[in-house]
Protein backbone atom coordinates (compact mmCIF):
# COMPACT_ATOMS: atom_id res chain seq x y z
CA MET A 1 118.13 133.40 103.20
CA ARG A 2 114.75 131.69 103.67
CA ASN A 3 116.27 128.41 102.49
CA SER A 4 118.95 128.52 105.21
CA TYR A 5 116.31 129.25 107.88
CA LEU A 6 114.20 126.31 106.71
CA ARG A 7 117.28 124.12 106.71
CA ARG A 8 118.00 125.10 110.35
CA ILE A 9 114.41 124.28 111.28
CA PHE A 10 114.73 120.95 109.49
CA HIS A 11 117.89 120.09 111.43
CA ALA A 12 116.25 121.09 114.71
CA TYR A 13 113.25 118.92 113.87
CA ALA A 14 115.49 115.96 113.09
CA PHE A 15 117.38 116.59 116.33
CA ILE A 16 114.18 116.16 118.33
CA PHE A 17 113.28 112.76 116.98
CA ARG A 18 116.62 111.06 117.69
CA LEU A 19 117.08 109.90 114.13
CA HIS A 20 120.48 108.43 113.42
CA THR A 21 120.29 109.25 109.74
CA LEU A 22 117.85 111.33 107.79
CA GLN A 23 117.20 111.42 104.08
CA VAL A 24 117.14 114.89 102.55
CA LYS A 25 116.29 115.54 98.93
CA ASP A 26 118.18 118.38 97.32
CA ARG A 27 115.68 120.36 95.23
CA ILE A 28 118.26 121.32 92.63
CA THR A 29 119.96 117.99 91.95
CA TYR A 30 117.24 115.68 93.33
CA ARG A 31 119.87 113.65 95.15
CA THR A 32 119.24 112.05 98.50
CA HIS A 33 121.74 112.86 101.24
CA LEU A 34 122.13 111.11 104.57
CA LEU A 35 122.70 113.54 107.40
CA PRO A 36 123.96 112.38 110.81
CA VAL A 37 121.77 113.54 113.67
CA PRO A 38 123.02 113.50 117.27
CA PHE A 39 121.48 111.19 119.85
CA ILE A 40 119.54 112.99 122.56
CA ASN A 41 118.30 112.09 126.00
CA LYS A 42 114.59 111.84 126.81
CA SER A 43 115.02 114.63 129.36
CA TYR A 44 115.39 116.96 126.37
CA PHE A 45 111.67 116.53 125.65
CA TYR A 46 110.89 117.68 129.19
CA LYS A 47 112.95 120.83 128.63
CA VAL A 48 111.04 121.66 125.46
CA GLY A 49 107.77 120.94 127.26
CA ASN A 50 108.75 123.21 130.14
CA ASN A 51 109.47 126.03 127.68
CA ILE A 52 106.03 125.61 126.12
CA LYS A 53 104.37 125.50 129.54
CA TYR A 54 106.28 128.62 130.64
CA LEU A 55 105.18 130.56 127.56
CA ARG A 56 101.59 129.39 127.92
CA ASP A 57 101.47 130.35 131.60
CA ALA A 58 103.04 133.74 130.85
CA LEU A 59 100.12 134.56 128.56
CA GLY A 60 97.62 133.12 131.02
CA GLU A 61 96.34 130.51 128.59
CA THR A 62 95.05 127.04 129.41
CA GLN A 63 96.10 124.01 127.39
CA ASP A 64 92.68 124.04 125.75
CA GLN A 65 93.01 127.71 124.74
CA LEU A 66 96.50 127.14 123.33
CA GLY A 67 95.28 124.10 121.43
CA LEU A 68 92.45 126.10 119.86
CA ALA A 69 94.81 128.95 118.97
CA ILE A 70 97.26 126.71 117.12
CA GLY A 71 94.79 124.17 115.77
CA GLU A 72 95.79 121.23 117.96
CA SER A 73 93.90 119.25 120.58
CA LYS A 74 94.28 119.78 124.32
CA SER A 75 95.65 116.26 124.69
CA SER A 76 98.42 116.84 122.13
CA VAL A 77 99.44 120.06 123.91
CA SER A 78 99.45 118.17 127.22
CA GLN A 79 101.52 115.29 125.81
CA VAL A 80 104.14 117.65 124.39
CA GLU A 81 104.31 119.68 127.62
CA THR A 82 104.81 116.59 129.78
CA GLY A 83 107.39 115.06 127.43
CA ILE A 84 105.28 112.02 126.52
CA ARG A 85 105.73 112.74 122.82
CA PRO A 86 108.00 115.13 120.94
CA PRO A 87 106.47 118.06 119.06
CA THR A 88 106.08 117.79 115.30
CA LEU A 89 107.55 120.39 112.99
CA ASP A 90 104.06 121.68 112.21
CA PHE A 91 103.36 122.00 115.95
CA LEU A 92 106.61 123.96 116.48
CA ILE A 93 105.89 126.33 113.59
CA LYS A 94 102.41 127.09 114.95
CA LEU A 95 103.81 127.66 118.45
CA ALA A 96 106.53 129.98 117.18
CA LYS A 97 103.97 132.05 115.28
CA HIS A 98 101.59 132.13 118.24
CA PHE A 99 104.24 133.24 120.75
CA CYS A 100 106.17 135.47 118.26
CA ILE A 101 109.48 133.72 118.92
CA THR A 102 111.77 131.48 116.89
CA ILE A 103 111.75 127.72 116.90
CA ASP A 104 115.37 127.85 118.07
CA GLU A 105 114.28 129.62 121.26
CA ILE A 106 111.66 126.96 121.96
CA LEU A 107 114.06 124.07 121.32
CA PHE A 108 117.43 125.23 122.58
CA SER A 109 116.83 127.85 125.31
CA ASP A 110 115.67 127.55 128.88
CA LEU A 111 113.14 130.36 128.79
CA SER A 112 112.33 130.27 132.50
CA TYR A 113 115.84 131.52 133.33
CA ILE A 114 115.76 134.50 130.98
CA PRO A 115 114.67 137.54 133.03
CA ASN A 116 111.66 139.45 131.67
CA PHE A 117 111.46 137.20 128.63
CA CYS A 118 107.69 137.04 128.84
CA SER A 119 107.00 140.71 129.37
CA GLU A 120 103.87 142.12 127.76
CA SER A 121 105.89 144.11 125.22
CA HIS A 122 107.45 140.90 123.90
CA PHE A 123 104.03 139.52 122.99
CA LEU A 124 102.55 142.67 121.46
CA LYS A 125 101.09 141.90 118.06
CA ILE A 126 101.40 144.49 115.32
């Protein structure tokens, strides 16, 4: 089950970077496969950035505080939020852990239109 989740994350990561083909090594057979990845518009990066900004604002964090929490610089958080550069897979994993949501929700949902998504109970840490 973990392998399928990692594979979904990998496909989402490839989707972000507009790669036309991507080499994937199969751990069992050690073969290299070429996977087609759909072409995306630059406005997609703005949507991802808006989701990150919405989550950050919901917790009342500054870009500097979010950067410290996930181990990134303030400038990298700012660049991802404004759509200047796409987030790396490592960046997405850290964000998902910090906000207690999935990477799919960050990449493929418009979180600002989901009512009560950022309620306090959603962010309670156990």
